[in-house]
Structure formats: C-alpha cells, structure tokens
Amino acid sequence: MGLKLLRRIGYWVDFAAGILGAIAIASMTAMLLRARSTEIIAINRPLKYSLIAGGFLIAAALAVSAILRALKAIRESMEGRYLVFETPSGPVSFRAASVEQAINRTVVAMDEVSDAALELVLPKGAKVPAEARLRCRLYDRPNLLAIQDQVRAAASDRYLEMFPGQEPLAVRVTVERIVFETPGPKAVPPAEGQPASEASAESLPFRPQYPVGD
C-alpha cells in the first residue's frame, strides 16, 4: 500500500471521525434538551441551556472542521504537485507523479530490488523536491547495506540525469521486506497510460550496475 493511498485513507478516516463525533455530541445534546427538569439531577435550568448551547456549538465546529479538511484534501489531490525548473526560455513544470514514476522504474529495474515505491517531498511553496522517500523490498543478498546505498544512488543519479544542474536529491530509503524467493526475469513496469506489451519491449534509458561486496 503506497504512501499516497495511506494519506488519502487517513484523510477520510479523519473526516468520518469528525462527523461521527459531531453526530454523537448533537444526539446527546438533543436528549438533554428533551429531558424534563425533574429528570436532571442537580442541574438548574440556566446551566441546562448553557450545556445544550455548548454541545450544539461543539458539534457544529467538529462538523465544519471535518468538511473543510476533506475539501482541502480533495483540492490538493485534484490540483496535483508540480516541479518547476527555471530555464533560459522560462519556467517549465513537470508533474511530480510522472517524475516519481520515472525514477521508480529505474529502481525497480535493478536486479536486487523486488518492488519499490518512491515519493518526492515538496514543501509548501517549494519548486523542487527537498528529498525523496523510497520504500522498497529487496531480494536476499549479501551486504544489504551496500545494496541500499546502490538503490539510493540509482534514484539520485536518475533525478540528475533527468534534470542536469540541479542539487543532488537526498533519498531516504526504507526496506519494508527482504524477499527470499528466487527472482525471475525482470519485467519493465509499464509507463502511465501505456499497455504492458509495449512497455516490455521498451529498454530503460538508465540502468545502473554496481558491484556488490560480499
């Protein structure tokens, strides 16, 4: 499960929790409103109405806050994220998802990597990524620390190959799993919107080969 999917799930869980909390508080407040004075022990009439008003205000605030957070998440997902590079002819924008896919294809093509998912971290207002977060599964090999260094270098080199002259990309690698099965032939992951049959015949423009020490 990718980081983006987890983030979307988190947004909707937060939204549901806010709405359910608002409904629960509103329901309890409505029960208090319908209750007769004799059924409320040690609570006088002014305090009762203060509690009712406060309950409805809290419920409304929770509901509005949950809706605003959900709208913000939807807007961000629709707008997308873009890298902006200055060129002599003017700024050029690249969709971050496309850059992530290109770098990820290079990493997945490595013989030592079973699977990978890369995400570029773009701080608010930034034009270029501050770092890349790479979650991967590696095949069982000697010296896995050296392999993760190769994975990091492959991702950073691919970024610099795509955008020469930029600052080296800091890559944070997390190994989610060590795969003990014997790997089969490497299949090139299909590009976005490209049939798998066409992708399998396409050669990668960049595939680093690094010796692994024992």
C-alpha atoms as a PDB file:
ATOM      1  CA  MET A   1       0.000   0.000   0.000  1.00  0.00           C
ATOM      2  CA  GLY A   2       1.536   3.292  -1.132  1.00  0.00           C
ATOM      3  CA  LEU A   3       2.085   6.383   0.949  1.00  0.00           C
ATOM      4  CA  LYS A   4      -0.371   8.382  -1.129  1.00  0.00           C
ATOM      5  CA  LEU A   5      -3.116   5.811  -0.636  1.00  0.00           C
ATOM      6  CA  LEU A   6      -2.438   5.722   3.102  1.00  0.00           C
ATOM      7  CA  ARG A   7      -2.634   9.506   3.228  1.00  0.00           C
ATOM      8  CA  ARG A   8      -5.978   9.502   1.400  1.00  0.00           C
ATOM      9  CA  ILE A   9      -7.339   6.855   3.740  1.00  0.00           C
ATOM     10  CA  GLY A  10      -6.169   8.948   6.685  1.00  0.00           C
ATOM     11  CA  TYR A  11      -7.989  11.990   5.316  1.00  0.00           C
ATOM     12  CA  TRP A  12     -11.267  10.104   5.026  1.00  0.00           C
ATOM     13  CA  VAL A  13     -10.878   8.425   8.426  1.00  0.00           C
ATOM     14  CA  ASP A  14     -10.318  11.861   9.942  1.00  0.00           C
ATOM     15  CA  PHE A  15     -13.388  13.182   8.119  1.00  0.00           C
ATOM     16  CA  ALA A  16     -15.562  10.261   9.291  1.00  0.00           C
ATOM     17  CA  ALA A  17     -14.324  10.604  12.882  1.00  0.00           C
ATOM     18  CA  GLY A  18     -15.156  14.313  12.903  1.00  0.00           C
ATOM     19  CA  ILE A  19     -18.650  13.780  11.506  1.00  0.00           C
ATOM     20  CA  LEU A  20     -19.402  10.877  13.857  1.00  0.00           C
ATOM     21  CA  GLY A  21     -18.157  12.900  16.831  1.00  0.00           C
ATOM     22  CA  ALA A  22     -20.376  15.789  15.823  1.00  0.00           C
ATOM     23  CA  ILE A  23     -23.392  13.481  15.477  1.00  0.00           C
ATOM     24  CA  ALA A  24     -22.728  11.889  18.875  1.00  0.00           C
ATOM     25  CA  ILE A  25     -22.448  15.236  20.649  1.00  0.00           C
ATOM     26  CA  ALA A  26     -25.526  16.605  18.864  1.00  0.00           C
ATOM     27  CA  SER A  27     -27.522  13.498  19.787  1.00  0.00           C
ATOM     28  CA  MET A  28     -26.598  13.720  23.465  1.00  0.00           C
ATOM     29  CA  THR A  29     -27.374  17.424  23.474  1.00  0.00           C
ATOM     30  CA  ALA A  30     -30.774  16.782  21.882  1.00  0.00           C
ATOM     31  CA  MET A  31     -31.519  14.172  24.576  1.00  0.00           C
ATOM     32  CA  LEU A  32     -30.643  16.758  27.209  1.00  0.00           C
ATOM     33  CA  LEU A  33     -32.939  19.267  25.522  1.00  0.00           C
ATOM     34  CA  ARG A  34     -35.871  16.843  25.523  1.00  0.00           C
ATOM     35  CA  ALA A  35     -35.314  15.738  29.124  1.00  0.00           C
ATOM     36  CA  ARG A  36     -37.638  17.174  31.743  1.00  0.00           C
ATOM     37  CA  SER A  37     -36.173  19.230  34.569  1.00  0.00           C
ATOM     38  CA  THR A  38     -37.132  16.582  37.135  1.00  0.00           C
ATOM     39  CA  GLU A  39     -35.038  14.009  35.239  1.00  0.00           C
ATOM     40  CA  ILE A  40     -31.857  16.096  35.524  1.00  0.00           C
ATOM     41  CA  ILE A  41     -30.413  15.864  38.983  1.00  0.00           C
ATOM     42  CA  ALA A  42     -28.529  18.829  40.398  1.00  0.00           C
ATOM     43  CA  ILE A  43     -28.695  20.817  37.137  1.00  0.00           C
ATOM     44  CA  ASN A  44     -30.703  24.031  37.160  1.00  0.00           C
ATOM     45  CA  ARG A  45     -32.427  25.496  34.115  1.00  0.00           C
ATOM     46  CA  PRO A  46     -29.753  28.112  33.134  1.00  0.00           C
ATOM     47  CA  LEU A  47     -26.983  25.513  33.355  1.00  0.00           C
ATOM     48  CA  LYS A  48     -29.045  23.081  31.311  1.00  0.00           C
ATOM     49  CA  TYR A  49     -29.478  25.551  28.462  1.00  0.00           C
ATOM     50  CA  SER A  50     -25.799  26.515  28.629  1.00  0.00           C
ATOM     51  CA  LEU A  51     -24.828  22.855  28.233  1.00  0.00           C
ATOM     52  CA  ILE A  52     -27.237  22.478  25.326  1.00  0.00           C
ATOM     53  CA  ALA A  53     -25.878  25.549  23.544  1.00  0.00           C
ATOM     54  CA  GLY A  54     -22.278  24.469  24.141  1.00  0.00           C
ATOM     55  CA  GLY A  55     -22.998  20.960  22.892  1.00  0.00           C
ATOM     56  CA  PHE A  56     -24.530  22.164  19.641  1.00  0.00           C
ATOM     57  CA  LEU A  57     -21.660  24.615  19.095  1.00  0.00           C
ATOM     58  CA  ILE A  58     -19.048  21.891  19.598  1.00  0.00           C
ATOM     59  CA  ALA A  59     -20.920  19.544  17.260  1.00  0.00           C
ATOM     60  CA  ALA A  60     -21.159  22.245  14.589  1.00  0.00           C
ATOM     61  CA  ALA A  61     -17.463  23.105  14.955  1.00  0.00           C
ATOM     62  CA  LEU A  62     -16.461  19.449  14.588  1.00  0.00           C
ATOM     63  CA  ALA A  63     -18.634  19.012  11.501  1.00  0.00           C
ATOM     64  CA  VAL A  64     -17.381  22.192   9.814  1.00  0.00           C
ATOM     65  CA  SER A  65     -13.751  21.338  10.614  1.00  0.00           C
ATOM     66  CA  ALA A  66     -14.119  17.827   9.168  1.00  0.00           C
ATOM     67  CA  ILE A  67     -15.744  19.176   5.992  1.00  0.00           C
ATOM     68  CA  LEU A  68     -13.034  21.820   5.498  1.00  0.00           C
ATOM     69  CA  ARG A  69     -10.251  19.240   5.926  1.00  0.00           C
ATOM     70  CA  ALA A  70     -11.948  16.921   3.435  1.00  0.00           C
ATOM     71  CA  LEU A  71     -12.344  19.750   0.904  1.00  0.00           C
ATOM     72  CA  LYS A  72      -8.671  20.659   1.310  1.00  0.00           C
ATOM     73  CA  ALA A  73      -7.620  17.050   0.708  1.00  0.00           C
ATOM     74  CA  ILE A  74      -9.825  16.828  -2.394  1.00  0.00           C
ATOM     75  CA  ARG A  75      -8.462  20.116  -3.754  1.00  0.00           C
ATOM     76  CA  GLU A  76      -4.862  19.030  -3.223  1.00  0.00           C
ATOM     77  CA  SER A  77      -5.463  15.694  -4.954  1.00  0.00           C
ATOM     78  CA  MET A  78      -7.129  17.439  -7.923  1.00  0.00           C
ATOM     79  CA  GLU A  79      -4.504  20.152  -8.281  1.00  0.00           C
ATOM     80  CA  GLY A  80      -1.615  17.713  -8.159  1.00  0.00           C
ATOM     81  CA  ARG A  81       2.009  18.552  -7.421  1.00  0.00           C
ATOM     82  CA  TYR A  82       4.442  20.038  -9.905  1.00  0.00           C
ATOM     83  CA  LEU A  83       8.195  20.581 -10.033  1.00  0.00           C
ATOM     84  CA  VAL A  84       9.120  23.947 -11.531  1.00  0.00           C
ATOM     85  CA  PHE A  85      12.524  24.471 -13.160  1.00  0.00           C
ATOM     86  CA  GLU A  86      13.858  27.753 -14.460  1.00  0.00           C
ATOM     87  CA  THR A  87      15.260  27.661 -17.997  1.00  0.00           C
ATOM     88  CA  PRO A  88      16.616  30.443 -20.272  1.00  0.00           C
ATOM     89  CA  SER A  89      13.304  30.385 -22.158  1.00  0.00           C
ATOM     90  CA  GLY A  90      11.176  30.464 -19.000  1.00  0.00           C
ATOM     91  CA  PRO A  91       9.912  28.173 -16.229  1.00  0.00           C
ATOM     92  CA  VAL A  92       8.950  24.585 -17.054  1.00  0.00           C
ATOM     93  CA  SER A  93       6.626  22.495 -14.882  1.00  0.00           C
ATOM     94  CA  PHE A  94       6.748  18.718 -14.515  1.00  0.00           C
ATOM     95  CA  ARG A  95       4.038  16.748 -12.773  1.00  0.00           C
ATOM     96  CA  ALA A  96       5.603  15.207  -9.692  1.00  0.00           C
ATOM     97  CA  ALA A  97       3.804  11.894 -10.212  1.00  0.00           C
ATOM     98  CA  SER A  98       5.451  11.462 -13.632  1.00  0.00           C
ATOM     99  CA  VAL A  99       8.913  12.165 -12.219  1.00  0.00           C
ATOM    100  CA  GLU A 100       8.272   9.736  -9.358  1.00  0.00           C
ATOM    101  CA  GLN A 101       7.231   7.054 -11.823  1.00  0.00           C
ATOM    102  CA  ALA A 102      10.330   7.556 -13.986  1.00  0.00           C
ATOM    103  CA  ILE A 103      12.714   7.308 -11.023  1.00  0.00           C
ATOM    104  CA  ASN A 104      10.792   4.377  -9.575  1.00  0.00           C
ATOM    105  CA  ARG A 105      11.050   2.444 -12.860  1.00  0.00           C
ATOM    106  CA  THR A 106      14.832   2.743 -12.707  1.00  0.00           C
ATOM    107  CA  VAL A 107      14.945   1.450  -9.132  1.00  0.00           C
ATOM    108  CA  VAL A 108      12.566  -1.458  -9.799  1.00  0.00           C
ATOM    109  CA  ALA A 109      14.686  -2.483 -12.801  1.00  0.00           C
ATOM    110  CA  MET A 110      17.649  -3.235 -10.511  1.00  0.00           C
ATOM    111  CA  ASP A 111      18.287  -6.952 -10.059  1.00  0.00           C
ATOM    112  CA  GLU A 112      18.473  -6.594  -6.274  1.00  0.00           C
ATOM    113  CA  VAL A 113      15.072  -4.870  -5.963  1.00  0.00           C
ATOM    114  CA  SER A 114      11.797  -6.778  -5.815  1.00  0.00           C
ATOM    115  CA  ASP A 115       9.481  -3.776  -5.628  1.00  0.00           C
ATOM    116  CA  ALA A 116       9.670  -0.085  -4.787  1.00  0.00           C
ATOM    117  CA  ALA A 117       7.525   2.989  -4.279  1.00  0.00           C
ATOM    118  CA  LEU A 118       9.055   6.474  -4.400  1.00  0.00           C
ATOM    119  CA  GLU A 119       7.529   9.772  -3.309  1.00  0.00           C
ATOM    120  CA  LEU A 120       9.027  13.216  -3.781  1.00  0.00           C
ATOM    121  CA  VAL A 121       8.658  15.517  -0.779  1.00  0.00           C
ATOM    122  CA  LEU A 122       7.650  19.009  -1.871  1.00  0.00           C
ATOM    123  CA  PRO A 123       7.458  21.545   0.980  1.00  0.00           C
ATOM    124  CA  LYS A 124       4.717  24.132   0.658  1.00  0.00           C
ATOM    125  CA  GLY A 125       5.761  26.779  -1.825  1.00  0.00           C
ATOM    126  CA  ALA A 126       8.871  24.857  -2.960  1.00  0.00           C
ATOM    127  CA  LYS A 127       9.583  24.419  -6.660  1.00  0.00           C
ATOM    128  CA  VAL A 128      11.895  21.414  -6.382  1.00  0.00           C
ATOM    129  CA  PRO A 129      11.771  18.428  -4.016  1.00  0.00           C
ATOM    130  CA  ALA A 130      13.521  18.612  -0.667  1.00  0.00           C
ATOM    131  CA  GLU A 131      14.032  14.843  -0.604  1.00  0.00           C
ATOM    132  CA  ALA A 132      12.653  11.555  -1.865  1.00  0.00           C
ATOM    133  CA  ARG A 133      11.195   8.816   0.305  1.00  0.00           C
ATOM    134  CA  LEU A 134      11.736   5.373  -1.144  1.00  0.00           C
ATOM    135  CA  ARG A 135      10.069   2.284   0.300  1.00  0.00           C
ATOM    136  CA  CYS A 136      11.318  -0.927  -1.247  1.00  0.00           C
ATOM    137  CA  ARG A 137      11.553  -4.693  -1.000  1.00  0.00           C
ATOM    138  CA  LEU A 138      14.964  -6.214  -1.594  1.00  0.00           C
ATOM    139  CA  TYR A 139      15.933  -9.722  -2.570  1.00  0.00           C
ATOM    140  CA  ASP A 140      18.041 -11.649  -0.086  1.00  0.00           C
ATOM    141  CA  ARG A 141      21.634 -10.774  -0.975  1.00  0.00           C
ATOM    142  CA  PRO A 142      24.940 -10.408   0.881  1.00  0.00           C
ATOM    143  CA  ASN A 143      25.629  -6.946   2.278  1.00  0.00           C
ATOM    144  CA  LEU A 144      22.177  -5.389   2.145  1.00  0.00           C
ATOM    145  CA  LEU A 145      23.584  -2.119   3.464  1.00  0.00           C
ATOM    146  CA  ALA A 146      25.671  -1.786   0.316  1.00  0.00           C
ATOM    147  CA  ILE A 147      22.616  -2.574  -1.803  1.00  0.00           C
ATOM    148  CA  GLN A 148      20.528   0.142  -0.202  1.00  0.00           C
ATOM    149  CA  ASP A 149      23.379   2.565  -0.933  1.00  0.00           C
ATOM    150  CA  GLN A 150      23.159   1.492  -4.585  1.00  0.00           C
ATOM    151  CA  VAL A 151      19.406   1.988  -4.558  1.00  0.00           C
ATOM    152  CA  ARG A 152      19.828   5.480  -3.124  1.00  0.00           C
ATOM    153  CA  ALA A 153      22.484   6.323  -5.701  1.00  0.00           C
ATOM    154  CA  ALA A 154      20.344   4.957  -8.549  1.00  0.00           C
ATOM    155  CA  ALA A 155      17.408   7.174  -7.588  1.00  0.00           C
ATOM    156  CA  SER A 156      19.575  10.263  -7.129  1.00  0.00           C
ATOM    157  CA  ASP A 157      21.503   9.696 -10.379  1.00  0.00           C
ATOM    158  CA  ARG A 158      18.256   9.212 -12.325  1.00  0.00           C
ATOM    159  CA  TYR A 159      16.967  12.517 -10.980  1.00  0.00           C
ATOM    160  CA  LEU A 160      20.148  14.313 -12.024  1.00  0.00           C
ATOM    161  CA  GLU A 161      20.024  12.608 -15.413  1.00  0.00           C
ATOM    162  CA  MET A 162      16.528  13.985 -15.958  1.00  0.00           C
ATOM    163  CA  PHE A 163      17.347  17.450 -14.597  1.00  0.00           C
ATOM    164  CA  PRO A 164      21.066  18.229 -15.033  1.00  0.00           C
ATOM    165  CA  GLY A 165      22.494  21.033 -12.950  1.00  0.00           C
ATOM    166  CA  GLN A 166      20.102  20.546 -10.036  1.00  0.00           C
ATOM    167  CA  GLU A 167      21.178  19.844  -6.490  1.00  0.00           C
ATOM    168  CA  PRO A 168      21.635  16.109  -5.747  1.00  0.00           C
ATOM    169  CA  LEU A 169      18.416  14.574  -4.498  1.00  0.00           C
ATOM    170  CA  ALA A 170      18.530  13.307  -0.915  1.00  0.00           C
ATOM    171  CA  VAL A 171      16.909   9.868  -0.834  1.00  0.00           C
ATOM    172  CA  ARG A 172      15.582   8.283   2.354  1.00  0.00           C
ATOM    173  CA  VAL A 173      15.416   4.510   1.880  1.00  0.00           C
ATOM    174  CA  THR A 174      13.189   2.224   3.943  1.00  0.00           C
ATOM    175  CA  VAL A 175      13.410  -1.535   3.339  1.00  0.00           C
ATOM    176  CA  GLU A 176       9.941  -2.907   4.048  1.00  0.00           C
ATOM    177  CA  ARG A 177      10.736  -6.550   3.402  1.00  0.00           C
ATOM    178  CA  ILE A 178      13.512  -8.939   2.425  1.00  0.00           C
ATOM    179  CA  VAL A 179      12.277 -11.320  -0.270  1.00  0.00           C
ATOM    180  CA  PHE A 180      13.749 -14.816  -0.067  1.00  0.00           C
ATOM    181  CA  GLU A 181      12.208 -16.215  -3.253  1.00  0.00           C
ATOM    182  CA  THR A 182      14.456 -16.597  -6.302  1.00  0.00           C
ATOM    183  CA  PRO A 183      13.761 -13.673  -8.629  1.00  0.00           C
ATOM    184  CA  GLY A 184      12.569 -14.391 -12.141  1.00  0.00           C
ATOM    185  CA  PRO A 185      13.244 -12.345 -15.282  1.00  0.00           C
ATOM    186  CA  LYS A 186      12.834  -8.627 -14.725  1.00  0.00           C
ATOM    187  CA  ALA A 187       9.826  -7.099 -16.479  1.00  0.00           C
ATOM    188  CA  VAL A 188       9.903  -3.391 -17.166  1.00  0.00           C
ATOM    189  CA  PRO A 189       6.947  -1.739 -15.370  1.00  0.00           C
ATOM    190  CA  PRO A 190       4.509  -0.188 -17.893  1.00  0.00           C
ATOM    191  CA  ALA A 191       4.532   3.567 -18.136  1.00  0.00           C
ATOM    192  CA  GLU A 192       1.433   5.548 -17.267  1.00  0.00           C
ATOM    193  CA  GLY A 193      -1.196   5.014 -19.951  1.00  0.00           C
ATOM    194  CA  GLN A 194       0.972   2.520 -21.849  1.00  0.00           C
ATOM    195  CA  PRO A 195      -0.060  -1.106 -22.484  1.00  0.00           C
ATOM    196  CA  ALA A 196       2.078  -3.721 -20.775  1.00  0.00           C
ATOM    197  CA  SER A 197       3.008  -5.329 -24.107  1.00  0.00           C
ATOM    198  CA  GLU A 198       4.577  -2.104 -25.348  1.00  0.00           C
ATOM    199  CA  ALA A 199       6.383  -1.474 -22.079  1.00  0.00           C
ATOM    200  CA  SER A 200       8.002  -4.907 -22.067  1.00  0.00           C
ATOM    201  CA  ALA A 201       9.710  -4.145 -25.379  1.00  0.00           C
ATOM    202  CA  GLU A 202      10.969  -0.749 -24.250  1.00  0.00           C
ATOM    203  CA  SER A 203      14.526  -0.526 -22.993  1.00  0.00           C
ATOM    204  CA  LEU A 204      15.294   1.592 -19.977  1.00  0.00           C
ATOM    205  CA  PRO A 205      17.343   4.695 -20.778  1.00  0.00           C
ATOM    206  CA  PHE A 206      19.179   4.339 -17.485  1.00  0.00           C
ATOM    207  CA  ARG A 207      20.014   1.204 -15.542  1.00  0.00           C
ATOM    208  CA  PRO A 208      22.928   1.470 -13.143  1.00  0.00           C
ATOM    209  CA  GLN A 209      25.101  -1.525 -12.484  1.00  0.00           C
ATOM    210  CA  TYR A 210      27.044  -1.554  -9.236  1.00  0.00           C
ATOM    211  CA  PRO A 211      29.244  -4.333  -7.849  1.00  0.00           C
ATOM    212  CA  VAL A 212      28.018  -5.699  -4.528  1.00  0.00           C
ATOM    213  CA  GLY A 213      30.653  -6.591  -1.989  1.00  0.00           C
ATOM    214  CA  ASP A 214      30.360  -9.798  -0.005  1.00  0.00           C
END
